[in-house]
């Protein structure tokens, strides 16, 4: 099996190049073309320069909603083009007006509520199903795919807050369109947990000073890490609703054979 290559940066834990993943016709994804990541607010300037110079990064596509982007604005250097392409609205993410203050308050209120309700895993599964059956989500993913298919030079980096759910699904769609195997897609999906563990442990410790509950760690990890069952839930739903990914690609994502071939010519070697 294969997965994306972690780009070693001082300030970003979960920035990865999809280059090298096996795809259609015995080819592999080109390096320095498709990069997945988490938010860039805390990005070190030197790391951004490294991405620009060594990985040919030219475009940053932000998959977060307006509230998230306001709370933690991306750091962008000269030479990078910033594009906003939100996948989920605040309502779809379960964000309330109370959470539209700052990121720390958002996290505290959100985690506290799901501890009380005991619905963290169900919430996440519902979120993943929403990615493939909500017309807004599908339209936004189509826009993202169109951006990758468009005529441009350099690498494109797409990110959400952590780089796991919205980015995870975007990666799934792109890799399936490029002809990658499900096992490789799942392996890459699960790699996120290894990348973000230091940050997860830090955030749980910080929240434990405000939330005194034996369910804190399990709830937090259910929400802010990935689980294999999240993506396999999507596989099963696509199978049930569309029959296979081919039909989902054409009917759900509105990606036709021509656009798929454009993407494969552009990103496979």
C-alpha atoms as a PDB file:
ATOM      1  CA  UNK A   1       0.000   0.000   0.000  1.00  0.00           C
ATOM      2  CA  UNK A   2       1.021   3.648  -0.412  1.00  0.00           C
ATOM      3  CA  UNK A   3       0.175   7.035   1.026  1.00  0.00           C
ATOM      4  CA  UNK A   4       1.081  10.698   0.680  1.00  0.00           C
ATOM      5  CA  UNK A   5       4.535  11.951   1.623  1.00  0.00           C
ATOM      6  CA  UNK A   6       4.743  14.112   4.748  1.00  0.00           C
ATOM      7  CA  UNK A   7       6.501  17.386   3.962  1.00  0.00           C
ATOM      8  CA  UNK A   8       8.791  18.091   6.896  1.00  0.00           C
ATOM      9  CA  UNK A   9       8.065  21.591   8.159  1.00  0.00           C
ATOM     10  CA  UNK A  10       8.783  23.307  11.478  1.00  0.00           C
ATOM     11  CA  UNK A  11       5.346  24.810  11.936  1.00  0.00           C
ATOM     12  CA  UNK A  12       2.905  22.485  10.123  1.00  0.00           C
ATOM     13  CA  UNK A  13       2.351  18.883  11.209  1.00  0.00           C
ATOM     14  CA  UNK A  14      -0.019  17.616   8.563  1.00  0.00           C
ATOM     15  CA  UNK A  15       1.142  18.932   5.200  1.00  0.00           C
ATOM     16  CA  UNK A  16       1.522  16.122   2.660  1.00  0.00           C
ATOM     17  CA  UNK A  17       2.290  15.672  -1.040  1.00  0.00           C
ATOM     18  CA  UNK A  18       0.114  13.114  -2.826  1.00  0.00           C
ATOM     19  CA  UNK A  19       2.952  12.431  -5.249  1.00  0.00           C
ATOM     20  CA  UNK A  20       3.901   8.771  -5.636  1.00  0.00           C
ATOM     21  CA  UNK A  21       0.522   7.216  -4.904  1.00  0.00           C
ATOM     22  CA  UNK A  22      -0.226   4.496  -7.519  1.00  0.00           C
ATOM     23  CA  UNK A  23      -3.099   5.382  -9.839  1.00  0.00           C
ATOM     24  CA  UNK A  24      -4.616   4.444 -13.215  1.00  0.00           C
ATOM     25  CA  UNK A  25      -2.768   2.582 -15.985  1.00  0.00           C
ATOM     26  CA  UNK A  26       0.223   1.749 -13.789  1.00  0.00           C
ATOM     27  CA  UNK A  27       1.048   5.424 -13.343  1.00  0.00           C
ATOM     28  CA  UNK A  28       1.584   7.415 -10.152  1.00  0.00           C
ATOM     29  CA  UNK A  29       0.506  10.840  -8.938  1.00  0.00           C
ATOM     30  CA  UNK A  30       3.077  13.486  -9.863  1.00  0.00           C
ATOM     31  CA  UNK A  31       5.023  15.075  -7.012  1.00  0.00           C
ATOM     32  CA  UNK A  32       4.809  18.800  -6.254  1.00  0.00           C
ATOM     33  CA  UNK A  33       1.339  19.091  -7.763  1.00  0.00           C
ATOM     34  CA  UNK A  34      -1.309  18.158  -5.165  1.00  0.00           C
ATOM     35  CA  UNK A  35      -0.682  19.061  -1.520  1.00  0.00           C
ATOM     36  CA  UNK A  36      -3.069  18.526   1.407  1.00  0.00           C
ATOM     37  CA  UNK A  37      -2.761  20.371   4.709  1.00  0.00           C
ATOM     38  CA  UNK A  38      -4.348  21.907   7.763  1.00  0.00           C
ATOM     39  CA  UNK A  39      -4.839  25.625   8.347  1.00  0.00           C
ATOM     40  CA  UNK A  40      -1.930  27.956   7.651  1.00  0.00           C
ATOM     41  CA  UNK A  41      -2.459  30.500  10.420  1.00  0.00           C
ATOM     42  CA  UNK A  42       0.544  29.297  12.402  1.00  0.00           C
ATOM     43  CA  UNK A  43       2.701  28.657   9.362  1.00  0.00           C
ATOM     44  CA  UNK A  44       6.287  29.830   9.702  1.00  0.00           C
ATOM     45  CA  UNK A  45       7.350  32.155   6.892  1.00  0.00           C
ATOM     46  CA  UNK A  46      10.372  29.935   6.232  1.00  0.00           C
ATOM     47  CA  UNK A  47       8.053  26.948   5.808  1.00  0.00           C
ATOM     48  CA  UNK A  48       5.885  28.834   3.322  1.00  0.00           C
ATOM     49  CA  UNK A  49       8.984  29.864   1.399  1.00  0.00           C
ATOM     50  CA  UNK A  50      10.085  26.209   1.386  1.00  0.00           C
ATOM     51  CA  UNK A  51       6.725  25.147  -0.021  1.00  0.00           C
ATOM     52  CA  UNK A  52       6.992  27.886  -2.645  1.00  0.00           C
ATOM     53  CA  UNK A  53      10.577  27.195  -3.694  1.00  0.00           C
ATOM     54  CA  UNK A  54      10.985  23.448  -3.172  1.00  0.00           C
ATOM     55  CA  UNK A  55       7.462  22.208  -3.857  1.00  0.00           C
ATOM     56  CA  UNK A  56       6.384  24.771  -6.470  1.00  0.00           C
ATOM     57  CA  UNK A  57       3.369  25.851  -4.397  1.00  0.00           C
ATOM     58  CA  UNK A  58       1.393  28.616  -6.097  1.00  0.00           C
ATOM     59  CA  UNK A  59      -2.227  28.252  -4.943  1.00  0.00           C
ATOM     60  CA  UNK A  60      -3.824  27.850  -1.498  1.00  0.00           C
ATOM     61  CA  UNK A  61      -7.448  26.688  -1.463  1.00  0.00           C
ATOM     62  CA  UNK A  62      -9.211  27.209   1.873  1.00  0.00           C
ATOM     63  CA  UNK A  63     -12.043  24.713   2.457  1.00  0.00           C
ATOM     64  CA  UNK A  64     -13.129  26.299   5.757  1.00  0.00           C
ATOM     65  CA  UNK A  65     -16.230  28.412   6.231  1.00  0.00           C
ATOM     66  CA  UNK A  66     -16.147  32.179   6.761  1.00  0.00           C
ATOM     67  CA  UNK A  67     -16.211  31.950  10.568  1.00  0.00           C
ATOM     68  CA  UNK A  68     -13.236  29.599  10.687  1.00  0.00           C
ATOM     69  CA  UNK A  69     -11.281  31.708   8.216  1.00  0.00           C
ATOM     70  CA  UNK A  70     -11.989  34.810  10.298  1.00  0.00           C
ATOM     71  CA  UNK A  71     -10.989  33.105  13.544  1.00  0.00           C
ATOM     72  CA  UNK A  72      -7.717  31.773  12.121  1.00  0.00           C
ATOM     73  CA  UNK A  73      -6.794  33.592   8.910  1.00  0.00           C
ATOM     74  CA  UNK A  74      -4.268  31.885   6.659  1.00  0.00           C
ATOM     75  CA  UNK A  75      -0.775  33.286   6.442  1.00  0.00           C
ATOM     76  CA  UNK A  76       0.029  33.926   2.790  1.00  0.00           C
ATOM     77  CA  UNK A  77       3.322  35.087   1.263  1.00  0.00           C
ATOM     78  CA  UNK A  78       3.913  36.941  -1.991  1.00  0.00           C
ATOM     79  CA  UNK A  79       3.615  34.589  -4.945  1.00  0.00           C
ATOM     80  CA  UNK A  80       0.779  32.531  -3.466  1.00  0.00           C
ATOM     81  CA  UNK A  81      -2.797  32.976  -4.644  1.00  0.00           C
ATOM     82  CA  UNK A  82      -5.441  32.465  -1.943  1.00  0.00           C
ATOM     83  CA  UNK A  83      -8.824  30.994  -2.947  1.00  0.00           C
ATOM     84  CA  UNK A  84     -11.817  30.421  -0.672  1.00  0.00           C
ATOM     85  CA  UNK A  85     -13.907  27.325  -1.403  1.00  0.00           C
ATOM     86  CA  UNK A  86     -15.905  26.418   1.744  1.00  0.00           C
ATOM     87  CA  UNK A  87     -17.243  22.871   1.849  1.00  0.00           C
ATOM     88  CA  UNK A  88     -19.505  23.171   4.911  1.00  0.00           C
ATOM     89  CA  UNK A  89     -21.546  26.030   6.331  1.00  0.00           C
ATOM     90  CA  UNK A  90     -21.421  26.927  10.012  1.00  0.00           C
ATOM     91  CA  UNK A  91     -24.811  25.269  10.506  1.00  0.00           C
ATOM     92  CA  UNK A  92     -23.692  22.010   8.914  1.00  0.00           C
ATOM     93  CA  UNK A  93     -20.713  21.921  11.268  1.00  0.00           C
ATOM     94  CA  UNK A  94     -22.929  22.373  14.311  1.00  0.00           C
ATOM     95  CA  UNK A  95     -21.486  25.811  15.057  1.00  0.00           C
ATOM     96  CA  UNK A  96     -23.716  28.159  17.030  1.00  0.00           C
ATOM     97  CA  UNK A  97     -23.661  31.942  17.383  1.00  0.00           C
ATOM     98  CA  UNK A  98     -21.978  31.447  20.735  1.00  0.00           C
ATOM     99  CA  UNK A  99     -19.151  29.679  18.933  1.00  0.00           C
ATOM    100  CA  UNK A 100     -18.643  32.536  16.489  1.00  0.00           C
ATOM    101  CA  UNK A 101     -16.424  34.406  18.942  1.00  0.00           C
ATOM    102  CA  UNK A 102     -12.972  32.852  18.819  1.00  0.00           C
ATOM    103  CA  UNK A 103     -11.531  29.428  17.989  1.00  0.00           C
ATOM    104  CA  UNK A 104     -10.842  28.443  21.605  1.00  0.00           C
ATOM    105  CA  UNK A 105     -14.412  29.192  22.698  1.00  0.00           C
ATOM    106  CA  UNK A 106     -15.728  27.346  19.645  1.00  0.00           C
ATOM    107  CA  UNK A 107     -13.814  24.231  20.567  1.00  0.00           C
ATOM    108  CA  UNK A 108     -14.843  24.329  24.238  1.00  0.00           C
ATOM    109  CA  UNK A 109     -18.561  24.813  23.495  1.00  0.00           C
ATOM    110  CA  UNK A 110     -18.582  22.219  20.719  1.00  0.00           C
ATOM    111  CA  UNK A 111     -16.802  19.485  22.696  1.00  0.00           C
ATOM    112  CA  UNK A 112     -18.810  20.192  25.867  1.00  0.00           C
ATOM    113  CA  UNK A 113     -22.084  19.845  23.986  1.00  0.00           C
ATOM    114  CA  UNK A 114     -21.166  16.524  22.403  1.00  0.00           C
ATOM    115  CA  UNK A 115     -19.905  15.152  25.716  1.00  0.00           C
ATOM    116  CA  UNK A 116     -23.318  15.919  27.191  1.00  0.00           C
ATOM    117  CA  UNK A 117     -25.130  14.403  24.220  1.00  0.00           C
ATOM    118  CA  UNK A 118     -22.767  11.428  23.843  1.00  0.00           C
ATOM    119  CA  UNK A 119     -23.082  11.654  20.071  1.00  0.00           C
ATOM    120  CA  UNK A 120     -19.565  12.412  18.825  1.00  0.00           C
ATOM    121  CA  UNK A 121     -19.163   9.340  16.585  1.00  0.00           C
ATOM    122  CA  UNK A 122     -22.719   9.626  15.240  1.00  0.00           C
ATOM    123  CA  UNK A 123     -22.108  13.325  14.570  1.00  0.00           C
ATOM    124  CA  UNK A 124     -18.956  12.563  12.584  1.00  0.00           C
ATOM    125  CA  UNK A 125     -20.559   9.783  10.562  1.00  0.00           C
ATOM    126  CA  UNK A 126     -23.426  12.114   9.750  1.00  0.00           C
ATOM    127  CA  UNK A 127     -20.945  14.770   8.689  1.00  0.00           C
ATOM    128  CA  UNK A 128     -19.257  12.362   6.281  1.00  0.00           C
ATOM    129  CA  UNK A 129     -22.555  11.236   4.789  1.00  0.00           C
ATOM    130  CA  UNK A 130     -23.412  14.903   4.346  1.00  0.00           C
ATOM    131  CA  UNK A 131     -20.348  15.297   2.123  1.00  0.00           C
ATOM    132  CA  UNK A 132     -21.853  12.987  -0.493  1.00  0.00           C
ATOM    133  CA  UNK A 133     -25.576  13.709  -0.303  1.00  0.00           C
ATOM    134  CA  UNK A 134     -25.803  17.449   0.364  1.00  0.00           C
ATOM    135  CA  UNK A 135     -26.144  19.493  -2.818  1.00  0.00           C
ATOM    136  CA  UNK A 136     -24.089  22.395  -1.443  1.00  0.00           C
ATOM    137  CA  UNK A 137     -21.194  20.138  -0.390  1.00  0.00           C
ATOM    138  CA  UNK A 138     -21.204  18.353  -3.729  1.00  0.00           C
ATOM    139  CA  UNK A 139     -21.246  21.627  -5.653  1.00  0.00           C
ATOM    140  CA  UNK A 140     -18.314  22.946  -3.607  1.00  0.00           C
ATOM    141  CA  UNK A 141     -16.305  19.772  -4.165  1.00  0.00           C
ATOM    142  CA  UNK A 142     -17.049  20.077  -7.889  1.00  0.00           C
ATOM    143  CA  UNK A 143     -15.627  23.616  -7.806  1.00  0.00           C
ATOM    144  CA  UNK A 144     -12.503  22.272  -6.117  1.00  0.00           C
ATOM    145  CA  UNK A 145     -12.086  19.567  -8.747  1.00  0.00           C
ATOM    146  CA  UNK A 146     -12.599  22.174 -11.475  1.00  0.00           C
ATOM    147  CA  UNK A 147      -9.816  24.276  -9.951  1.00  0.00           C
ATOM    148  CA  UNK A 148      -7.445  21.317 -10.179  1.00  0.00           C
ATOM    149  CA  UNK A 149      -8.527  20.635 -13.763  1.00  0.00           C
ATOM    150  CA  UNK A 150      -8.057  24.267 -14.828  1.00  0.00           C
ATOM    151  CA  UNK A 151      -5.006  25.435 -16.768  1.00  0.00           C
ATOM    152  CA  UNK A 152      -2.453  26.645 -14.226  1.00  0.00           C
ATOM    153  CA  UNK A 153       1.177  26.222 -13.279  1.00  0.00           C
ATOM    154  CA  UNK A 154       2.604  24.994  -9.987  1.00  0.00           C
ATOM    155  CA  UNK A 155       1.209  23.036  -7.070  1.00  0.00           C
ATOM    156  CA  UNK A 156      -2.147  23.578  -5.376  1.00  0.00           C
ATOM    157  CA  UNK A 157      -2.529  23.159  -1.617  1.00  0.00           C
ATOM    158  CA  UNK A 158      -6.012  22.571  -0.232  1.00  0.00           C
ATOM    159  CA  UNK A 159      -6.727  22.668   3.480  1.00  0.00           C
ATOM    160  CA  UNK A 160      -9.392  22.846   6.168  1.00  0.00           C
ATOM    161  CA  UNK A 161      -8.812  23.344   9.896  1.00  0.00           C
ATOM    162  CA  UNK A 162      -6.902  20.163  10.749  1.00  0.00           C
ATOM    163  CA  UNK A 163      -6.648  18.613   7.292  1.00  0.00           C
ATOM    164  CA  UNK A 164      -8.662  15.481   7.999  1.00  0.00           C
ATOM    165  CA  UNK A 165     -12.401  15.562   7.181  1.00  0.00           C
ATOM    166  CA  UNK A 166     -13.104  18.050   4.391  1.00  0.00           C
ATOM    167  CA  UNK A 167      -9.568  17.542   3.124  1.00  0.00           C
ATOM    168  CA  UNK A 168      -9.863  13.796   3.640  1.00  0.00           C
ATOM    169  CA  UNK A 169     -12.945  13.644   1.429  1.00  0.00           C
ATOM    170  CA  UNK A 170     -11.388  15.933  -1.190  1.00  0.00           C
ATOM    171  CA  UNK A 171      -8.388  13.606  -1.273  1.00  0.00           C
ATOM    172  CA  UNK A 172     -10.667  10.584  -1.591  1.00  0.00           C
ATOM    173  CA  UNK A 173     -12.489  12.154  -4.551  1.00  0.00           C
ATOM    174  CA  UNK A 174      -9.299  13.250  -6.309  1.00  0.00           C
ATOM    175  CA  UNK A 175      -7.507   9.939  -5.825  1.00  0.00           C
ATOM    176  CA  UNK A 176     -10.503   7.883  -6.947  1.00  0.00           C
ATOM    177  CA  UNK A 177     -10.839  10.032 -10.065  1.00  0.00           C
ATOM    178  CA  UNK A 178      -7.127   9.496 -10.711  1.00  0.00           C
ATOM    179  CA  UNK A 179      -7.612   5.738 -10.349  1.00  0.00           C
ATOM    180  CA  UNK A 180      -6.071   5.025  -6.934  1.00  0.00           C
ATOM    181  CA  UNK A 181      -7.052   1.871  -5.042  1.00  0.00           C
ATOM    182  CA  UNK A 182      -9.334   2.004  -2.000  1.00  0.00           C
ATOM    183  CA  UNK A 183      -6.681   0.472   0.280  1.00  0.00           C
ATOM    184  CA  UNK A 184      -4.200   3.232  -0.589  1.00  0.00           C
ATOM    185  CA  UNK A 185      -6.872   5.895  -0.082  1.00  0.00           C
ATOM    186  CA  UNK A 186      -7.736   4.469   3.353  1.00  0.00           C
ATOM    187  CA  UNK A 187      -4.065   4.258   4.324  1.00  0.00           C
ATOM    188  CA  UNK A 188      -3.537   7.892   3.396  1.00  0.00           C
ATOM    189  CA  UNK A 189      -6.720   8.860   5.238  1.00  0.00           C
ATOM    190  CA  UNK A 190      -5.525   7.171   8.433  1.00  0.00           C
ATOM    191  CA  UNK A 191      -2.017   8.681   8.235  1.00  0.00           C
ATOM    192  CA  UNK A 192      -3.538  11.924   9.482  1.00  0.00           C
ATOM    193  CA  UNK A 193      -3.714  10.547  13.042  1.00  0.00           C
ATOM    194  CA  UNK A 194       0.042   9.984  13.171  1.00  0.00           C
ATOM    195  CA  UNK A 195       0.710  13.476  11.854  1.00  0.00           C
ATOM    196  CA  UNK A 196      -1.543  15.373  14.251  1.00  0.00           C
ATOM    197  CA  UNK A 197      -1.065  13.345  17.476  1.00  0.00           C
ATOM    198  CA  UNK A 198       1.250  15.903  19.165  1.00  0.00           C
ATOM    199  CA  UNK A 199      -1.352  18.632  18.621  1.00  0.00           C
ATOM    200  CA  UNK A 200      -4.229  16.401  19.734  1.00  0.00           C
ATOM    201  CA  UNK A 201      -2.506  15.541  23.022  1.00  0.00           C
ATOM    202  CA  UNK A 202      -1.770  19.221  23.682  1.00  0.00           C
ATOM    203  CA  UNK A 203      -5.344  20.304  22.987  1.00  0.00           C
ATOM    204  CA  UNK A 204      -6.838  17.585  25.218  1.00  0.00           C
ATOM    205  CA  UNK A 205      -4.547  18.597  28.064  1.00  0.00           C
ATOM    206  CA  UNK A 206      -5.552  22.230  27.652  1.00  0.00           C
ATOM    207  CA  UNK A 207      -9.274  21.435  27.538  1.00  0.00           C
ATOM    208  CA  UNK A 208      -9.015  19.183  30.607  1.00  0.00           C
ATOM    209  CA  UNK A 209      -8.456  22.317  32.683  1.00  0.00           C
ATOM    210  CA  UNK A 210     -11.921  23.532  31.685  1.00  0.00           C
ATOM    211  CA  UNK A 211     -13.835  20.275  31.180  1.00  0.00           C
ATOM    212  CA  UNK A 212     -13.848  17.751  34.007  1.00  0.00           C
ATOM    213  CA  UNK A 213     -15.273  14.658  32.359  1.00  0.00           C
ATOM    214  CA  UNK A 214     -14.047  11.062  31.925  1.00  0.00           C
ATOM    215  CA  UNK A 215     -15.486  11.227  28.402  1.00  0.00           C
ATOM    216  CA  UNK A 216     -13.329  14.173  27.331  1.00  0.00           C
ATOM    217  CA  UNK A 217     -10.484  12.303  25.654  1.00  0.00           C
ATOM    218  CA  UNK A 218     -12.646   9.764  23.819  1.00  0.00           C
ATOM    219  CA  UNK A 219     -15.058  12.481  22.651  1.00  0.00           C
ATOM    220  CA  UNK A 220     -12.254  14.779  21.539  1.00  0.00           C
ATOM    221  CA  UNK A 221     -10.458  12.049  19.624  1.00  0.00           C
ATOM    222  CA  UNK A 222     -13.699  10.996  17.948  1.00  0.00           C
ATOM    223  CA  UNK A 223     -14.156  14.561  16.728  1.00  0.00           C
ATOM    224  CA  UNK A 224     -10.625  15.670  15.904  1.00  0.00           C
ATOM    225  CA  UNK A 225      -8.992  12.480  14.688  1.00  0.00           C
ATOM    226  CA  UNK A 226     -10.086  10.190  11.871  1.00  0.00           C
ATOM    227  CA  UNK A 227     -11.482   6.686  12.149  1.00  0.00           C
ATOM    228  CA  UNK A 228     -11.571   4.068   9.443  1.00  0.00           C
ATOM    229  CA  UNK A 229     -15.303   3.722   9.978  1.00  0.00           C
ATOM    230  CA  UNK A 230     -15.811   7.344   8.880  1.00  0.00           C
ATOM    231  CA  UNK A 231     -14.531   6.760   5.361  1.00  0.00           C
ATOM    232  CA  UNK A 232     -15.882   3.227   5.033  1.00  0.00           C
ATOM    233  CA  UNK A 233     -19.292   4.680   5.906  1.00  0.00           C
ATOM    234  CA  UNK A 234     -18.900   6.832   2.803  1.00  0.00           C
ATOM    235  CA  UNK A 235     -17.832   3.865   0.666  1.00  0.00           C
ATOM    236  CA  UNK A 236     -20.937   1.972   1.766  1.00  0.00           C
ATOM    237  CA  UNK A 237     -23.245   4.941   1.172  1.00  0.00           C
ATOM    238  CA  UNK A 238     -21.899   5.479  -2.353  1.00  0.00           C
ATOM    239  CA  UNK A 239     -22.357   1.777  -3.076  1.00  0.00           C
ATOM    240  CA  UNK A 240     -25.925   1.880  -1.778  1.00  0.00           C
ATOM    241  CA  UNK A 241     -27.011   5.137  -3.416  1.00  0.00           C
ATOM    242  CA  UNK A 242     -25.060   5.086  -6.689  1.00  0.00           C
ATOM    243  CA  UNK A 243     -23.899   1.523  -7.222  1.00  0.00           C
ATOM    244  CA  UNK A 244     -20.245   2.467  -7.583  1.00  0.00           C
ATOM    245  CA  UNK A 245     -17.892   5.454  -7.633  1.00  0.00           C
ATOM    246  CA  UNK A 246     -18.124   5.785 -11.423  1.00  0.00           C
ATOM    247  CA  UNK A 247     -21.801   6.683 -11.180  1.00  0.00           C
ATOM    248  CA  UNK A 248     -21.227   8.881  -8.131  1.00  0.00           C
ATOM    249  CA  UNK A 249     -18.474  10.762  -9.968  1.00  0.00           C
ATOM    250  CA  UNK A 250     -20.789  11.528 -12.886  1.00  0.00           C
ATOM    251  CA  UNK A 251     -24.103  12.042 -11.093  1.00  0.00           C
ATOM    252  CA  UNK A 252     -23.009  13.294  -7.674  1.00  0.00           C
ATOM    253  CA  UNK A 253     -19.848  15.247  -8.435  1.00  0.00           C
ATOM    254  CA  UNK A 254     -20.854  16.074 -12.021  1.00  0.00           C
ATOM    255  CA  UNK A 255     -17.393  15.102 -13.282  1.00  0.00           C
ATOM    256  CA  UNK A 256     -17.536  13.647 -16.785  1.00  0.00           C
ATOM    257  CA  UNK A 257     -15.100  11.407 -18.650  1.00  0.00           C
ATOM    258  CA  UNK A 258     -13.437  14.387 -20.327  1.00  0.00           C
ATOM    259  CA  UNK A 259     -12.638  16.138 -17.050  1.00  0.00           C
ATOM    260  CA  UNK A 260     -11.360  12.875 -15.564  1.00  0.00           C
ATOM    261  CA  UNK A 261      -8.992  12.456 -18.514  1.00  0.00           C
ATOM    262  CA  UNK A 262      -7.792  16.057 -18.144  1.00  0.00           C
ATOM    263  CA  UNK A 263      -6.982  15.387 -14.500  1.00  0.00           C
ATOM    264  CA  UNK A 264      -5.195  12.117 -15.275  1.00  0.00           C
ATOM    265  CA  UNK A 265      -3.081  13.679 -18.029  1.00  0.00           C
ATOM    266  CA  UNK A 266      -2.188  16.572 -15.761  1.00  0.00           C
ATOM    267  CA  UNK A 267      -1.424  14.750 -12.525  1.00  0.00           C
ATOM    268  CA  UNK A 268      -0.233  11.248 -13.465  1.00  0.00           C
ATOM    269  CA  UNK A 269       3.129  10.125 -14.800  1.00  0.00           C
END
